[in-house]
PDB file of N, CA and C in Angstrom:
ATOM      1  N   MET A   1     -82.589  52.284-104.198  1.00  0.00           N
ATOM      2  CA  MET A   1     -84.025  52.337-104.045  1.00  0.00           C
ATOM      3  C   MET A   1     -84.638  53.354-105.019  1.00  0.00           C
ATOM      4  N   LYS A   2     -83.984  54.534-105.109  1.00  0.00           N
ATOM      5  CA  LYS A   2     -84.478  55.568-106.019  1.00  0.00           C
ATOM      6  C   LYS A   2     -84.469  55.072-107.463  1.00  0.00           C
ATOM      7  N   LYS A   3     -83.411  54.338-107.820  1.00  0.00           N
ATOM      8  CA  LYS A   3     -83.293  53.831-109.186  1.00  0.00           C
ATOM      9  C   LYS A   3     -84.415  52.839-109.489  1.00  0.00           C
ATOM     10  N   THR A   4     -84.761  52.005-108.521  1.00  0.00           N
ATOM     11  CA  THR A   4     -85.819  51.008-108.706  1.00  0.00           C
ATOM     12  C   THR A   4     -87.160  51.693-108.919  1.00  0.00           C
ATOM     13  N   ILE A   5     -87.455  52.700-108.102  1.00  0.00           N
ATOM     14  CA  ILE A   5     -88.729  53.432-108.227  1.00  0.00           C
ATOM     15  C   ILE A   5     -88.786  54.161-109.562  1.00  0.00           C
ATOM     16  N   THR A   6     -87.679  54.779-109.951  1.00  0.00           N
ATOM     17  CA  THR A   6     -87.628  55.486-111.235  1.00  0.00           C
ATOM     18  C   THR A   6     -87.820  54.509-112.391  1.00  0.00           C
ATOM     19  N   LEU A   7     -87.188  53.355-112.316  1.00  0.00           N
ATOM     20  CA  LEU A   7     -87.323  52.341-113.357  1.00  0.00           C
ATOM     21  C   LEU A   7     -88.765  51.840-113.469  1.00  0.00           C
ATOM     22  N   ILE A   8     -89.395  51.602-112.327  1.00  0.00           N
ATOM     23  CA  ILE A   8     -90.804  51.151-112.324  1.00  0.00           C
ATOM     24  C   ILE A   8     -91.698  52.232-112.915  1.00  0.00           C
ATOM     25  N   ALA A   9     -91.479  53.478-112.562  1.00  0.00           N
ATOM     26  CA  ALA A   9     -92.279  54.584-113.084  1.00  0.00           C
ATOM     27  C   ALA A   9     -92.144  54.689-114.600  1.00  0.00           C
ATOM     28  N   ILE A  10     -90.918  54.535-115.098  1.00  0.00           N
ATOM     29  CA  ILE A  10     -90.687  54.607-116.550  1.00  0.00           C
ATOM     30  C   ILE A  10     -91.393  53.449-117.254  1.00  0.00           C
ATOM     31  N   MET A  11     -91.315  52.253-116.669  1.00  0.00           N
ATOM     32  CA  MET A  11     -91.971  51.092-117.272  1.00  0.00           C
ATOM     33  C   MET A  11     -93.492  51.277-117.311  1.00  0.00           C
ATOM     34  N   LEU A  12     -94.065  51.789-116.229  1.00  0.00           N
ATOM     35  CA  LEU A  12     -95.512  52.025-116.196  1.00  0.00           C
ATOM     36  C   LEU A  12     -95.929  53.059-117.233  1.00  0.00           C
ATOM     37  N   PHE A  13     -95.128  54.122-117.377  1.00  0.00           N
ATOM     38  CA  PHE A  13     -95.439  55.146-118.364  1.00  0.00           C
ATOM     39  C   PHE A  13     -95.396  54.575-119.780  1.00  0.00           C
ATOM     40  N   CYS A  14     -94.382  53.760-120.059  1.00  0.00           N
ATOM     41  CA  CYS A  14     -94.258  53.159-121.398  1.00  0.00           C
ATOM     42  C   CYS A  14     -95.422  52.219-121.691  1.00  0.00           C
ATOM     43  N   CYS A  15     -95.811  51.426-120.707  1.00  0.00           N
ATOM     44  CA  CYS A  15     -96.945  50.506-120.908  1.00  0.00           C
ATOM     45  C   CYS A  15     -98.219  51.283-121.179  1.00  0.00           C
ATOM     46  N   HIS A  16     -98.447  52.340-120.409  1.00  0.00           N
ATOM     47  CA  HIS A  16     -99.650  53.159-120.595  1.00  0.00           C
ATOM     48  C   HIS A  16     -99.653  53.800-121.981  1.00  0.00           C
ATOM     49  N   ALA A  17     -98.533  54.299-122.422  1.00  0.00           N
ATOM     50  CA  ALA A  17     -98.443  54.920-123.743  1.00  0.00           C
ATOM     51  C   ALA A  17     -98.716  53.892-124.840  1.00  0.00           C
ATOM     52  N   GLY A  18     -98.226  52.666-124.666  1.00  0.00           N
ATOM     53  CA  GLY A  18     -98.464  51.599-125.642  1.00  0.00           C
ATOM     54  C   GLY A  18     -99.936  51.242-125.744  1.00  0.00           C
ATOM     55  N   PHE A  19    -100.654  51.149-124.615  1.00  0.00           N
ATOM     56  CA  PHE A  19    -102.083  50.854-124.634  1.00  0.00           C
ATOM     57  C   PHE A  19    -102.861  51.965-125.323  1.00  0.00           C
ATOM     58  N   ALA A  20    -102.500  53.210-125.046  1.00  0.00           N
ATOM     59  CA  ALA A  20    -103.188  54.328-125.685  1.00  0.00           C
ATOM     60  C   ALA A  20    -102.998  54.295-127.195  1.00  0.00           C
ATOM     61  N   GLN A  21    -101.786  53.979-127.652  1.00  0.00           N
ATOM     62  CA  GLN A  21    -101.512  53.919-129.083  1.00  0.00           C
ATOM     63  C   GLN A  21    -102.309  52.799-129.741  1.00  0.00           C
ATOM     64  N   ASN A  22    -102.380  51.630-129.096  1.00  0.00           N
ATOM     65  CA  ASN A  22    -103.143  50.521-129.650  1.00  0.00           C
ATOM     66  C   ASN A  22    -104.624  50.861-129.743  1.00  0.00           C
ATOM     67  N   ALA A  23    -105.167  51.540-128.747  1.00  0.00           N
ATOM     68  CA  ALA A  23    -106.575  51.924-128.776  1.00  0.00           C
ATOM     69  C   ALA A  23    -106.838  52.902-129.912  1.00  0.00           C
ATOM     70  N   MET A  24    -105.906  53.860-130.114  1.00  0.00           N
ATOM     71  CA  MET A  24    -106.082  54.823-131.190  1.00  0.00           C
ATOM     72  C   MET A  24    -106.008  54.137-132.548  1.00  0.00           C
ATOM     73  N   ASN A  25    -105.107  53.175-132.712  1.00  0.00           N
ATOM     74  CA  ASN A  25    -104.984  52.454-133.972  1.00  0.00           C
ATOM     75  C   ASN A  25    -106.239  51.646-134.267  1.00  0.00           C
ATOM     76  N   ALA A  26    -106.860  51.067-133.242  1.00  0.00           N
ATOM     77  CA  ALA A  26    -108.066  50.268-133.448  1.00  0.00           C
ATOM     78  C   ALA A  26    -109.202  51.131-133.967  1.00  0.00           C
ATOM     79  N   GLU A  27    -109.289  52.380-133.487  1.00  0.00           N
ATOM     80  CA  GLU A  27    -110.370  53.267-133.912  1.00  0.00           C
ATOM     81  C   GLU A  27    -110.148  53.788-135.329  1.00  0.00           C
ATOM     82  N   THR A  28    -108.908  53.967-135.717  1.00  0.00           N
ATOM     83  CA  THR A  28    -108.636  54.579-137.015  1.00  0.00           C
ATOM     84  C   THR A  28    -108.252  53.561-138.079  1.00  0.00           C
ATOM     85  N   SER A  29    -108.356  52.274-137.762  1.00  0.00           N
ATOM     86  CA  SER A  29    -107.948  51.260-138.733  1.00  0.00           C
ATOM     87  C   SER A  29    -108.947  51.201-139.885  1.00  0.00           C
ATOM     88  N   THR A  30    -108.476  50.777-141.016  1.00  0.00           N
ATOM     89  CA  THR A  30    -109.336  50.667-142.184  1.00  0.00           C
ATOM     90  C   THR A  30    -110.195  49.414-142.074  1.00  0.00           C
ATOM     91  N   PRO A  31    -111.418  49.455-142.604  1.00  0.00           N
ATOM     92  CA  PRO A  31    -112.297  48.287-142.517  1.00  0.00           C
ATOM     93  C   PRO A  31    -111.765  47.112-143.332  1.00  0.00           C
ATOM     94  N   LEU A  32    -112.152  45.913-142.928  1.00  0.00           N
ATOM     95  CA  LEU A  32    -111.748  44.703-143.636  1.00  0.00           C
ATOM     96  C   LEU A  32    -112.576  44.530-144.897  1.00  0.00           C
ATOM     97  N   PHE A  33    -111.951  43.997-145.946  1.00  0.00           N
ATOM     98  CA  PHE A  33    -112.637  43.761-147.211  1.00  0.00           C
ATOM     99  C   PHE A  33    -112.472  42.310-147.624  1.00  0.00           C
ATOM    100  N   ASN A  34    -113.466  41.798-148.317  1.00  0.00           N
ATOM    101  CA  ASN A  34    -113.382  40.478-148.929  1.00  0.00           C
ATOM    102  C   ASN A  34    -112.838  40.698-150.336  1.00  0.00           C
ATOM    103  N   PRO A  35    -111.656  40.203-150.647  1.00  0.00           N
ATOM    104  CA  PRO A  35    -111.059  40.450-151.966  1.00  0.00           C
ATOM    105  C   PRO A  35    -111.830  39.782-153.108  1.00  0.00           C
ATOM    106  N   VAL A  36    -112.574  38.736-152.823  1.00  0.00           N
ATOM    107  CA  VAL A  36    -113.317  38.039-153.877  1.00  0.00           C
ATOM    108  C   VAL A  36    -114.558  38.834-154.285  1.00  0.00           C
ATOM    109  N   THR A  37    -115.334  39.284-153.298  1.00  0.00           N
ATOM    110  CA  THR A  37    -116.582  40.001-153.599  1.00  0.00           C
ATOM    111  C   THR A  37    -116.391  41.513-153.597  1.00  0.00           C
ATOM    112  N   ASN A  38    -115.236  41.975-153.124  1.00  0.00           N
ATOM    113  CA  ASN A  38    -114.934  43.395-153.003  1.00  0.00           C
ATOM    114  C   ASN A  38    -115.946  44.102-152.091  1.00  0.00           C
ATOM    115  N   CYS A  39    -116.452  43.381-151.105  1.00  0.00           N
ATOM    116  CA  CYS A  39    -117.388  43.943-150.138  1.00  0.00           C
ATOM    117  C   CYS A  39    -116.683  44.141-148.808  1.00  0.00           C
ATOM    118  N   GLN A  40    -117.074  45.201-148.148  1.00  0.00           N
ATOM    119  CA  GLN A  40    -116.573  45.436-146.806  1.00  0.00           C
ATOM    120  C   GLN A  40    -117.203  44.420-145.862  1.00  0.00           C
ATOM    121  N   LEU A  41    -116.435  43.883-144.931  1.00  0.00           N
ATOM    122  CA  LEU A  41    -116.964  42.949-143.942  1.00  0.00           C
ATOM    123  C   LEU A  41    -117.624  43.779-142.838  1.00  0.00           C
ATOM    124  N   ARG A  42    -118.909  44.013-143.033  1.00  0.00           N
ATOM    125  CA  ARG A  42    -119.638  44.949-142.182  1.00  0.00           C
ATOM    126  C   ARG A  42    -120.593  44.273-141.212  1.00  0.00           C
ATOM    127  N   TYR A  43    -121.161  43.133-141.594  1.00  0.00           N
ATOM    128  CA  TYR A  43    -122.212  42.518-140.788  1.00  0.00           C
ATOM    129  C   TYR A  43    -121.809  41.173-140.215  1.00  0.00           C
ATOM    130  N   TYR A  44    -122.262  40.940-138.986  1.00  0.00           N
ATOM    131  CA  TYR A  44    -122.247  39.609-138.390  1.00  0.00           C
ATOM    132  C   TYR A  44    -123.672  39.074-138.497  1.00  0.00           C
ATOM    133  N   TYR A  45    -123.784  37.775-138.741  1.00  0.00           N
ATOM    134  CA  TYR A  45    -125.080  37.108-138.725  1.00  0.00           C
ATOM    135  C   TYR A  45    -125.048  36.075-137.610  1.00  0.00           C
ATOM    136  N   PHE A  46    -126.089  36.054-136.787  1.00  0.00           N
ATOM    137  CA  PHE A  46    -126.205  35.094-135.695  1.00  0.00           C
ATOM    138  C   PHE A  46    -127.269  34.077-136.076  1.00  0.00           C
ATOM    139  N   PRO A  47    -126.861  32.880-136.552  1.00  0.00           N
ATOM    140  CA  PRO A  47    -127.844  31.885-136.983  1.00  0.00           C
ATOM    141  C   PRO A  47    -128.817  31.465-135.889  1.00  0.00           C
ATOM    142  N   ASN A  48    -128.362  31.418-134.644  1.00  0.00           N
ATOM    143  CA  ASN A  48    -129.246  31.012-133.560  1.00  0.00           C
ATOM    144  C   ASN A  48    -130.316  32.053-133.254  1.00  0.00           C
ATOM    145  N   LEU A  49    -130.062  33.305-133.585  1.00  0.00           N
ATOM    146  CA  LEU A  49    -131.019  34.383-133.346  1.00  0.00           C
ATOM    147  C   LEU A  49    -131.742  34.827-134.612  1.00  0.00           C
ATOM    148  N   GLU A  50    -131.185  34.447-135.765  1.00  0.00           N
ATOM    149  CA  GLU A  50    -131.629  34.991-137.046  1.00  0.00           C
ATOM    150  C   GLU A  50    -131.628  36.517-136.962  1.00  0.00           C
ATOM    151  N   ALA A  51    -130.466  37.039-136.543  1.00  0.00           N
ATOM    152  CA  ALA A  51    -130.288  38.475-136.344  1.00  0.00           C
ATOM    153  C   ALA A  51    -128.937  38.894-136.911  1.00  0.00           C
ATOM    154  N   TYR A  52    -128.781  40.191-137.116  1.00  0.00           N
ATOM    155  CA  TYR A  52    -127.548  40.761-137.669  1.00  0.00           C
ATOM    156  C   TYR A  52    -126.990  41.829-136.730  1.00  0.00           C
ATOM    157  N   PHE A  53    -125.682  42.049-136.833  1.00  0.00           N
ATOM    158  CA  PHE A  53    -125.049  43.159-136.146  1.00  0.00           C
ATOM    159  C   PHE A  53    -124.272  43.968-137.168  1.00  0.00           C
ATOM    160  N   ASP A  54    -124.523  45.264-137.225  1.00  0.00           N
ATOM    161  CA  ASP A  54    -123.842  46.185-138.132  1.00  0.00           C
ATOM    162  C   ASP A  54    -122.641  46.782-137.394  1.00  0.00           C
ATOM    163  N   THR A  55    -121.432  46.432-137.826  1.00  0.00           N
ATOM    164  CA  THR A  55    -120.231  46.911-137.144  1.00  0.00           C
ATOM    165  C   THR A  55    -119.962  48.389-137.391  1.00  0.00           C
ATOM    166  N   GLN A  56    -120.504  48.935-138.468  1.00  0.00           N
ATOM    167  CA  GLN A  56    -120.327  50.358-138.748  1.00  0.00           C
ATOM    168  C   GLN A  56    -121.188  51.221-137.848  1.00  0.00           C
ATOM    169  N   LYS A  57    -122.443  50.852-137.708  1.00  0.00           N
ATOM    170  CA  LYS A  57    -123.393  51.645-136.918  1.00  0.00           C
ATOM    171  C   LYS A  57    -123.540  51.150-135.481  1.00  0.00           C
ATOM    172  N   SER A  58    -122.955  49.992-135.171  1.00  0.00           N
ATOM    173  CA  SER A  58    -123.058  49.366-133.853  1.00  0.00           C
ATOM    174  C   SER A  58    -124.515  49.154-133.430  1.00  0.00           C
ATOM    175  N   ILE A  59    -125.304  48.577-134.352  1.00  0.00           N
ATOM    176  CA  ILE A  59    -126.692  48.257-134.036  1.00  0.00           C
ATOM    177  C   ILE A  59    -127.016  46.833-134.469  1.00  0.00           C
ATOM    178  N   TYR A  60    -128.015  46.274-133.822  1.00  0.00           N
ATOM    179  CA  TYR A  60    -128.514  44.941-134.147  1.00  0.00           C
ATOM    180  C   TYR A  60    -129.792  45.070-134.962  1.00  0.00           C
ATOM    181  N   TYR A  61    -130.004  44.111-135.851  1.00  0.00           N
ATOM    182  CA  TYR A  61    -131.253  43.961-136.587  1.00  0.00           C
ATOM    183  C   TYR A  61    -131.838  42.620-136.164  1.00  0.00           C
ATOM    184  N   TYR A  62    -133.060  42.611-135.676  1.00  0.00           N
ATOM    185  CA  TYR A  62    -133.715  41.361-135.284  1.00  0.00           C
ATOM    186  C   TYR A  62    -135.220  41.507-135.483  1.00  0.00           C
ATOM    187  N   LYS A  63    -135.891  40.375-135.581  1.00  0.00           N
ATOM    188  CA  LYS A  63    -137.331  40.373-135.814  1.00  0.00           C
ATOM    189  C   LYS A  63    -138.083  40.297-134.496  1.00  0.00           C
ATOM    190  N   GLU A  64    -139.117  41.113-134.421  1.00  0.00           N
ATOM    191  CA  GLU A  64    -140.006  41.080-133.268  1.00  0.00           C
ATOM    192  C   GLU A  64    -141.432  41.228-133.773  1.00  0.00           C
ATOM    193  N   LYS A  65    -142.246  40.217-133.528  1.00  0.00           N
ATOM    194  CA  LYS A  65    -143.643  40.198-133.991  1.00  0.00           C
ATOM    195  C   LYS A  65    -143.730  40.410-135.501  1.00  0.00           C
ATOM    196  N   GLY A  66    -142.803  39.802-136.237  1.00  0.00           N
ATOM    197  CA  GLY A  66    -142.828  39.859-137.688  1.00  0.00           C
ATOM    198  C   GLY A  66    -142.220  41.100-138.310  1.00  0.00           C
ATOM    199  N   GLU A  67    -141.788  42.052-137.509  1.00  0.00           N
ATOM    200  CA  GLU A  67    -141.189  43.299-138.007  1.00  0.00           C
ATOM    201  C   GLU A  67    -139.716  43.362-137.637  1.00  0.00           C
ATOM    202  N   TRP A  68    -138.892  43.876-138.552  1.00  0.00           N
ATOM    203  CA  TRP A  68    -137.476  44.046-138.270  1.00  0.00           C
ATOM    204  C   TRP A  68    -137.273  45.268-137.392  1.00  0.00           C
ATOM    205  N   ILE A  69    -136.526  45.085-136.306  1.00  0.00           N
ATOM    206  CA  ILE A  69    -136.246  46.135-135.327  1.00  0.00           C
ATOM    207  C   ILE A  69    -134.748  46.418-135.364  1.00  0.00           C
ATOM    208  N   THR A  70    -134.373  47.674-135.160  1.00  0.00           N
ATOM    209  CA  THR A  70    -132.959  48.017-134.982  1.00  0.00           C
ATOM    210  C   THR A  70    -132.799  48.529-133.555  1.00  0.00           C
ATOM    211  N   ALA A  71    -131.732  48.078-132.901  1.00  0.00           N
ATOM    212  CA  ALA A  71    -131.481  48.492-131.519  1.00  0.00           C
ATOM    213  C   ALA A  71    -130.002  48.341-131.208  1.00  0.00           C
ATOM    214  N   GLU A  72    -129.563  49.032-130.177  1.00  0.00           N
ATOM    215  CA  GLU A  72    -128.160  48.947-129.769  1.00  0.00           C
ATOM    216  C   GLU A  72    -127.856  47.646-129.045  1.00  0.00           C
ATOM    217  N   GLU A  73    -128.895  46.980-128.522  1.00  0.00           N
ATOM    218  CA  GLU A  73    -128.716  45.713-127.814  1.00  0.00           C
ATOM    219  C   GLU A  73    -129.846  44.762-128.166  1.00  0.00           C
ATOM    220  N   ILE A  74    -129.543  43.476-128.116  1.00  0.00           N
ATOM    221  CA  ILE A  74    -130.576  42.452-128.253  1.00  0.00           C
ATOM    222  C   ILE A  74    -131.256  42.348-126.889  1.00  0.00           C
ATOM    223  N   PRO A  75    -132.580  42.292-126.843  1.00  0.00           N
ATOM    224  CA  PRO A  75    -133.248  42.184-125.534  1.00  0.00           C
ATOM    225  C   PRO A  75    -132.837  40.906-124.795  1.00  0.00           C
ATOM    226  N   ASP A  76    -132.805  40.973-123.472  1.00  0.00           N
ATOM    227  CA  ASP A  76    -132.486  39.799-122.662  1.00  0.00           C
ATOM    228  C   ASP A  76    -133.451  38.674-122.971  1.00  0.00           C
ATOM    229  N   GLY A  77    -132.900  37.486-123.172  1.00  0.00           N
ATOM    230  CA  GLY A  77    -133.728  36.313-123.414  1.00  0.00           C
ATOM    231  C   GLY A  77    -134.360  36.261-124.784  1.00  0.00           C
ATOM    232  N   TYR A  78    -133.900  37.073-125.732  1.00  0.00           N
ATOM    233  CA  TYR A  78    -134.471  37.075-127.074  1.00  0.00           C
ATOM    234  C   TYR A  78    -134.346  35.685-127.677  1.00  0.00           C
ATOM    235  N   ARG A  79    -135.460  35.093-128.006  1.00  0.00           N
ATOM    236  CA  ARG A  79    -135.544  33.752-128.576  1.00  0.00           C
ATOM    237  C   ARG A  79    -134.864  32.700-127.699  1.00  0.00           C
ATOM    238  N   GLY A  80    -134.641  33.039-126.436  1.00  0.00           N
ATOM    239  CA  GLY A  80    -134.087  32.078-125.489  1.00  0.00           C
ATOM    240  C   GLY A  80    -132.604  31.804-125.649  1.00  0.00           C
ATOM    241  N   TYR A  81    -131.882  32.636-126.396  1.00  0.00           N
ATOM    242  CA  TYR A  81    -130.477  32.388-126.679  1.00  0.00           C
ATOM    243  C   TYR A  81    -129.591  33.521-126.183  1.00  0.00           C
ATOM    244  N   SER A  82    -128.325  33.231-126.109  1.00  0.00           N
ATOM    245  CA  SER A  82    -127.321  34.239-125.815  1.00  0.00           C
ATOM    246  C   SER A  82    -126.426  34.382-127.042  1.00  0.00           C
ATOM    247  N   ILE A  83    -126.096  35.615-127.431  1.00  0.00           N
ATOM    248  CA  ILE A  83    -125.240  35.812-128.602  1.00  0.00           C
ATOM    249  C   ILE A  83    -123.798  35.450-128.310  1.00  0.00           C
ATOM    250  N   TYR A  84    -123.462  35.263-127.048  1.00  0.00           N
ATOM    251  CA  TYR A  84    -122.067  35.038-126.693  1.00  0.00           C
ATOM    252  C   TYR A  84    -121.652  33.568-126.699  1.00  0.00           C
ATOM    253  N   ASN A  85    -122.606  32.638-126.719  1.00  0.00           N
ATOM    254  CA  ASN A  85    -122.192  31.243-126.663  1.00  0.00           C
ATOM    255  C   ASN A  85    -122.638  30.436-127.875  1.00  0.00           C
ATOM    256  N   LYS A  86    -122.923  31.094-128.952  1.00  0.00           N
ATOM    257  CA  LYS A  86    -123.347  30.398-130.166  1.00  0.00           C
ATOM    258  C   LYS A  86    -122.527  30.889-131.350  1.00  0.00           C
ATOM    259  N   SER A  87    -122.839  30.393-132.535  1.00  0.00           N
ATOM    260  CA  SER A  87    -122.038  30.716-133.712  1.00  0.00           C
ATOM    261  C   SER A  87    -122.324  32.112-134.251  1.00  0.00           C
ATOM    262  N   THR A  88    -121.293  32.678-134.844  1.00  0.00           N
ATOM    263  CA  THR A  88    -121.367  33.993-135.475  1.00  0.00           C
ATOM    264  C   THR A  88    -120.720  33.877-136.841  1.00  0.00           C
ATOM    265  N   VAL A  89    -121.346  34.477-137.854  1.00  0.00           N
ATOM    266  CA  VAL A  89    -120.845  34.393-139.223  1.00  0.00           C
ATOM    267  C   VAL A  89    -120.657  35.807-139.760  1.00  0.00           C
ATOM    268  N   TYR A  90    -119.500  36.053-140.377  1.00  0.00           N
ATOM    269  CA  TYR A  90    -119.296  37.317-141.087  1.00  0.00           C
ATOM    270  C   TYR A  90    -119.996  37.230-142.437  1.00  0.00           C
ATOM    271  N   ILE A  91    -120.786  38.211-142.775  1.00  0.00           N
ATOM    272  CA  ILE A  91    -121.409  38.273-144.096  1.00  0.00           C
ATOM    273  C   ILE A  91    -120.375  38.885-145.031  1.00  0.00           C
ATOM    274  N   THR A  92    -119.943  38.107-146.019  1.00  0.00           N
ATOM    275  CA  THR A  92    -118.833  38.536-146.874  1.00  0.00           C
ATOM    276  C   THR A  92    -119.271  39.055-148.238  1.00  0.00           C
ATOM    277  N   ASP A  93    -120.569  38.958-148.539  1.00  0.00           N
ATOM    278  CA  ASP A  93    -120.999  39.323-149.888  1.00  0.00           C
ATOM    279  C   ASP A  93    -122.036  40.450-149.912  1.00  0.00           C
ATOM    280  N   TYR A  94    -122.123  41.231-148.825  1.00  0.00           N
ATOM    281  CA  TYR A  94    -123.076  42.339-148.785  1.00  0.00           C
ATOM    282  C   TYR A  94    -122.560  43.394-147.817  1.00  0.00           C
ATOM    283  N   ASP A  95    -122.567  44.653-148.248  1.00  0.00           N
ATOM    284  CA  ASP A  95    -122.136  45.722-147.350  1.00  0.00           C
ATOM    285  C   ASP A  95    -122.983  46.986-147.476  1.00  0.00           C
ATOM    286  N   ASP A  96    -124.194  46.845-147.995  1.00  0.00           N
ATOM    287  CA  ASP A  96    -125.095  47.984-148.089  1.00  0.00           C
ATOM    288  C   ASP A  96    -125.838  48.146-146.761  1.00  0.00           C
ATOM    289  N   ASP A  97    -126.962  48.879-146.758  1.00  0.00           N
ATOM    290  CA  ASP A  97    -127.583  49.258-145.497  1.00  0.00           C
ATOM    291  C   ASP A  97    -128.688  48.352-144.962  1.00  0.00           C
ATOM    292  N   TYR A  98    -129.100  47.304-145.643  1.00  0.00           N
ATOM    293  CA  TYR A  98    -130.221  46.512-145.142  1.00  0.00           C
ATOM    294  C   TYR A  98    -130.004  45.019-145.385  1.00  0.00           C
ATOM    295  N   PRO A  99    -129.281  44.339-144.494  1.00  0.00           N
ATOM    296  CA  PRO A  99    -128.980  42.925-144.691  1.00  0.00           C
ATOM    297  C   PRO A  99    -130.198  42.014-144.494  1.00  0.00           C
ATOM    298  N   CYS A 100    -131.224  42.524-143.838  1.00  0.00           N
ATOM    299  CA  CYS A 100    -132.401  41.704-143.490  1.00  0.00           C
ATOM    300  C   CYS A 100    -133.102  41.125-144.715  1.00  0.00           C
ATOM    301  N   GLN A 101    -132.940  41.759-145.848  1.00  0.00           N
ATOM    302  CA  GLN A 101    -133.593  41.268-147.062  1.00  0.00           C
ATOM    303  C   GLN A 101    -133.065  39.903-147.499  1.00  0.00           C
ATOM    304  N   PHE A 102    -131.906  39.497-146.966  1.00  0.00           N
ATOM    305  CA  PHE A 102    -131.302  38.223-147.343  1.00  0.00           C
ATOM    306  C   PHE A 102    -131.439  37.152-146.260  1.00  0.00           C
ATOM    307  N   ILE A 103    -132.357  37.332-145.328  1.00  0.00           N
ATOM    308  CA  ILE A 103    -132.475  36.401-144.210  1.00  0.00           C
ATOM    309  C   ILE A 103    -132.753  34.974-144.680  1.00  0.00           C
ATOM    310  N   GLU A 104    -133.586  34.781-145.672  1.00  0.00           N
ATOM    311  CA  GLU A 104    -133.889  33.422-146.141  1.00  0.00           C
ATOM    312  C   GLU A 104    -132.650  32.755-146.742  1.00  0.00           C
ATOM    313  N   ILE A 105    -131.860  33.509-147.473  1.00  0.00           N
ATOM    314  CA  ILE A 105    -130.617  32.989-148.063  1.00  0.00           C
ATOM    315  C   ILE A 105    -129.629  32.628-146.944  1.00  0.00           C
ATOM    316  N   HIS A 106    -129.493  33.517-145.970  1.00  0.00           N
ATOM    317  CA  HIS A 106    -128.540  33.284-144.891  1.00  0.00           C
ATOM    318  C   HIS A 106    -128.981  32.133-143.983  1.00  0.00           C
ATOM    319  N   LYS A 107    -130.289  31.951-143.806  1.00  0.00           N
ATOM    320  CA  LYS A 107    -130.776  30.818-143.015  1.00  0.00           C
ATOM    321  C   LYS A 107    -130.400  29.493-143.679  1.00  0.00           C
ATOM    322  N   LYS A 108    -130.456  29.448-145.010  1.00  0.00           N
ATOM    323  CA  LYS A 108    -130.087  28.226-145.732  1.00  0.00           C
ATOM    324  C   LYS A 108    -128.575  28.042-145.788  1.00  0.00           C
ATOM    325  N   LYS A 109    -127.857  29.136-146.020  1.00  0.00           N
ATOM    326  CA  LYS A 109    -126.408  29.073-146.175  1.00  0.00           C
ATOM    327  C   LYS A 109    -125.691  28.804-144.847  1.00  0.00           C
ATOM    328  N   TYR A 110    -126.221  29.364-143.744  1.00  0.00           N
ATOM    329  CA  TYR A 110    -125.610  29.225-142.422  1.00  0.00           C
ATOM    330  C   TYR A 110    -126.653  28.710-141.429  1.00  0.00           C
ATOM    331  N   PRO A 111    -127.051  27.452-141.552  1.00  0.00           N
ATOM    332  CA  PRO A 111    -128.098  26.946-140.659  1.00  0.00           C
ATOM    333  C   PRO A 111    -127.613  26.856-139.216  1.00  0.00           C
ATOM    334  N   TYR A 112    -128.541  27.060-138.322  1.00  0.00           N
ATOM    335  CA  TYR A 112    -128.218  26.920-136.902  1.00  0.00           C
ATOM    336  C   TYR A 112    -128.378  25.460-136.525  1.00  0.00           C
ATOM    337  N   ILE A 113    -127.325  24.876-136.000  1.00  0.00           N
ATOM    338  CA  ILE A 113    -127.364  23.477-135.582  1.00  0.00           C
ATOM    339  C   ILE A 113    -127.195  23.438-134.068  1.00  0.00           C
ATOM    340  N   ASN A 114    -128.264  23.090-133.406  1.00  0.00           N
ATOM    341  CA  ASN A 114    -128.271  23.001-131.960  1.00  0.00           C
ATOM    342  C   ASN A 114    -127.512  21.746-131.546  1.00  0.00           C
ATOM    343  N   SER A 115    -126.543  21.887-130.664  1.00  0.00           N
ATOM    344  CA  SER A 115    -125.733  20.729-130.266  1.00  0.00           C
ATOM    345  C   SER A 115    -126.582  19.670-129.573  1.00  0.00           C
ATOM    346  N   GLU A 116    -127.636  20.059-128.880  1.00  0.00           N
ATOM    347  CA  GLU A 116    -128.527  19.086-128.246  1.00  0.00           C
ATOM    348  C   GLU A 116    -129.244  18.257-129.312  1.00  0.00           C
ATOM    349  N   ARG A 117    -129.655  18.920-130.396  1.00  0.00           N
ATOM    350  CA  ARG A 117    -130.342  18.221-131.483  1.00  0.00           C
ATOM    351  C   ARG A 117    -129.408  17.209-132.143  1.00  0.00           C
ATOM    352  N   VAL A 118    -128.133  17.587-132.320  1.00  0.00           N
ATOM    353  CA  VAL A 118    -127.145  16.686-132.916  1.00  0.00           C
ATOM    354  C   VAL A 118    -126.931  15.485-132.002  1.00  0.00           C
ATOM    355  N   LYS A 119    -126.824  15.711-130.704  1.00  0.00           N
ATOM    356  CA  LYS A 119    -126.632  14.615-129.754  1.00  0.00           C
ATOM    357  C   LYS A 119    -127.802  13.635-129.821  1.00  0.00           C
ATOM    358  N   LYS A 120    -129.021  14.169-129.885  1.00  0.00           N
ATOM    359  CA  LYS A 120    -130.207  13.294-129.968  1.00  0.00           C
ATOM    360  C   LYS A 120    -130.200  12.479-131.251  1.00  0.00           C
ATOM    361  N   MET A 121    -129.789  13.108-132.358  1.00  0.00           N
ATOM    362  CA  MET A 121    -129.754  12.381-133.634  1.00  0.00           C
ATOM    363  C   MET A 121    -128.733  11.260-133.588  1.00  0.00           C
ATOM    364  N   VAL A 122    -127.562  11.508-132.998  1.00  0.00           N
ATOM    365  CA  VAL A 122    -126.512  10.502-132.906  1.00  0.00           C
ATOM    366  C   VAL A 122    -126.961   9.361-131.997  1.00  0.00           C
ATOM    367  N   LEU A 123    -127.560   9.696-130.868  1.00  0.00           N
ATOM    368  CA  LEU A 123    -128.007   8.672-129.926  1.00  0.00           C
ATOM    369  C   LEU A 123    -129.138   7.811-130.503  1.00  0.00           C
ATOM    370  N   SER A 124    -130.021   8.421-131.277  1.00  0.00           N
ATOM    371  CA  SER A 124    -131.152   7.669-131.818  1.00  0.00           C
ATOM    372  C   SER A 124    -130.726   6.723-132.934  1.00  0.00           C
ATOM    373  N   LYS A 125    -129.576   6.948-133.572  1.00  0.00           N
ATOM    374  CA  LYS A 125    -129.088   6.079-134.654  1.00  0.00           C
ATOM    375  C   LYS A 125    -128.483   4.789-134.125  1.00  0.00           C
ATOM    376  N   LYS A 126    -128.099   4.764-132.862  1.00  0.00           N
ATOM    377  CA  LYS A 126    -127.433   3.570-132.286  1.00  0.00           C
ATOM    378  C   LYS A 126    -128.405   2.474-131.992  1.00  0.00           C
TER     379      LYS A 126
END
């Protein structure tokens, strides 16, 4: 019985140490780079929101009443969408401090395609 308890304790300690090491490695890992553009992969673009997320600063950029806003969170119900159930694109060709200047380019390059709109188009062709 003592051996079983000791074995379980050792296993739990090893698992805990492994999780701590993985968490430390995630924080100290080097940023990802695009070898073609030599840009750091810093921003996510959300086509459904026309918004960005800066992975370095952990802030969102989104438009409100025609002005770009920075915040730690997207407001609930922003543009009627959720960032968790739609497409996300890594911006691979820009790593400076203001991605919003390229919104028109990104809207064309990564258009948001609503699955309901696609279904209606397919059904109307029949």
